Protein backbone atom coordinates (compact mmCIF):
# COMPACT_ATOMS: atom_id res chain seq x y z
CA MET A 1 212.55 -51.33 102.80
CA ARG A 2 213.14 -50.90 106.52
CA PRO A 3 216.77 -50.36 107.63
CA ARG A 4 218.26 -53.06 109.84
CA GLN A 5 219.15 -52.14 113.40
CA SER A 6 222.13 -53.52 115.24
CA PRO A 7 221.60 -55.89 118.16
CA HIS A 8 222.92 -53.09 120.39
CA ALA A 9 220.11 -50.82 119.21
CA ALA A 10 217.51 -53.47 119.91
CA ASP A 11 218.80 -53.82 123.47
CA GLN A 12 218.93 -50.09 124.13
CA GLY A 13 216.02 -48.83 122.04
CA GLY A 14 215.78 -45.40 120.53
CA ILE A 15 217.92 -43.45 118.13
CA PHE A 16 220.62 -40.86 118.68
CA ILE A 17 220.16 -37.16 118.04
CA VAL A 18 222.06 -33.98 118.75
CA LEU A 19 219.84 -31.67 120.79
CA GLY A 20 220.66 -27.98 120.49
CA ASP A 21 220.26 -25.61 123.41
CA ASP A 22 217.27 -24.01 121.66
CA GLY A 23 215.40 -27.31 121.24
CA ARG A 24 216.28 -27.90 117.61
CA HIS A 25 217.72 -31.31 116.83
CA VAL A 26 219.57 -33.31 114.22
CA LEU A 27 219.21 -37.05 113.72
CA LEU A 28 222.55 -38.83 113.79
CA GLY A 29 221.08 -41.52 111.54
CA ARG A 30 222.05 -44.58 113.48
CA ALA A 31 221.24 -46.72 116.47
CA VAL A 32 224.81 -46.91 117.78
CA GLU A 33 226.19 -44.34 120.21
CA PRO A 34 228.75 -42.00 118.59
CA ASP A 35 232.36 -42.45 119.68
CA ALA A 36 234.52 -39.80 121.37
CA ALA A 37 235.96 -38.48 118.09
CA GLU A 38 232.49 -38.03 116.59
CA VAL A 39 231.26 -36.23 119.72
CA ALA A 40 234.31 -33.95 119.58
CA THR A 41 233.52 -33.10 115.94
CA ILE A 42 229.87 -32.43 116.79
CA GLY A 43 230.92 -30.24 119.70
CA ALA A 44 233.36 -28.25 117.57
CA LYS A 45 230.69 -27.58 114.93
CA LEU A 46 228.17 -26.48 117.57
CA ALA A 47 230.71 -24.19 119.25
CA GLU A 48 231.71 -22.76 115.85
CA ALA A 49 228.04 -21.82 115.35
CA GLY A 50 227.85 -20.32 118.85
CA ARG A 51 225.53 -23.08 120.09
CA GLY A 52 225.59 -25.59 122.88
CA GLY A 53 224.21 -29.09 122.65
CA TRP A 54 224.05 -32.66 123.81
CA VAL A 55 224.14 -36.16 122.37
CA VAL A 56 220.82 -37.70 123.35
CA ARG A 57 219.02 -41.02 122.90
CA MET A 58 215.46 -40.33 121.74
CA ARG A 59 212.89 -42.98 122.64
CA GLY A 60 209.35 -43.10 121.36
CA ASP A 61 207.53 -42.28 118.16
CA TYR A 62 208.40 -38.71 117.17
CA TRP A 63 205.49 -38.54 114.73
CA HIS A 64 202.79 -39.81 117.09
CA ARG A 65 201.16 -36.66 118.41
CA SER A 66 199.61 -38.06 121.58
CA ARG A 67 202.67 -39.96 122.82
CA HIS A 68 205.52 -38.48 124.79
CA VAL A 69 209.03 -38.79 123.39
CA ARG A 70 211.66 -39.38 126.04
CA LEU A 71 215.13 -37.90 125.76
CA ASP A 72 217.96 -39.62 127.63
CA LEU A 73 221.06 -37.47 128.00
CA ILE A 74 224.18 -39.33 126.90
CA GLN A 75 226.74 -36.53 127.10
CA GLU A 76 227.31 -32.84 126.52
CA ALA A 77 228.82 -32.13 123.11
CA ALA A 78 229.29 -28.36 123.50
CA SER A 79 228.92 -26.23 126.60
CA SER A 80 225.75 -24.19 126.94
CA PRO A 81 224.46 -21.69 129.49
CA THR A 82 221.02 -23.24 128.88
CA PRO A 83 220.29 -26.19 131.16
CA PHE A 84 219.49 -29.50 129.46
CA ASP A 85 215.99 -29.51 131.00
CA GLN A 86 215.16 -26.21 129.26
CA ALA A 87 216.46 -27.47 125.93
CA GLU A 88 214.39 -30.63 126.34
CA ALA A 89 211.27 -28.56 127.09
CA ALA A 90 211.95 -26.45 123.99
CA PHE A 91 212.32 -29.66 121.94
CA GLN A 92 208.98 -30.98 123.20
CA ALA A 93 207.28 -27.63 122.41
CA ARG A 94 208.75 -27.54 118.88
CA ARG A 95 207.67 -31.15 118.31
CA LYS A 96 204.16 -30.41 119.55
CA GLY A 97 203.95 -27.40 117.23
CA THR A 98 205.17 -29.43 114.25
CA LEU A 99 202.57 -32.12 114.85
CA ALA A 100 199.64 -29.79 115.58
CA PRO A 101 196.59 -30.58 113.42
C-alpha cells in the first residue's frame, strides 16, 4: 500500500532528508518540512557526532540511475566547514556509486 501524502507535499513535491557534510543522508520519512524544534534536535545530534548538515528537499527518483536528483537547501541544521555545494556533489557521487550496474 502506498503512503498518503499531504496536500502540502503535493504542492511542493519531493521529500525531506538530512544531508551530511560528507554526502551521506537520512530520510526524514515525511513530506512536511520539519519544525524549528525538530531542526534543533537534528542539529544537536549532528554536532554531537562532529558532523555538519542541512535539511534538504530531495526532488526526483533516487533509484532511477539516469535521472538527476535535485536537492533544494531548506536550512542548515549544524554548522560545517564544508560548503553545501561540495556536500551535494558528494551525495550525487555516492548515489551514482550505489546505483552502478
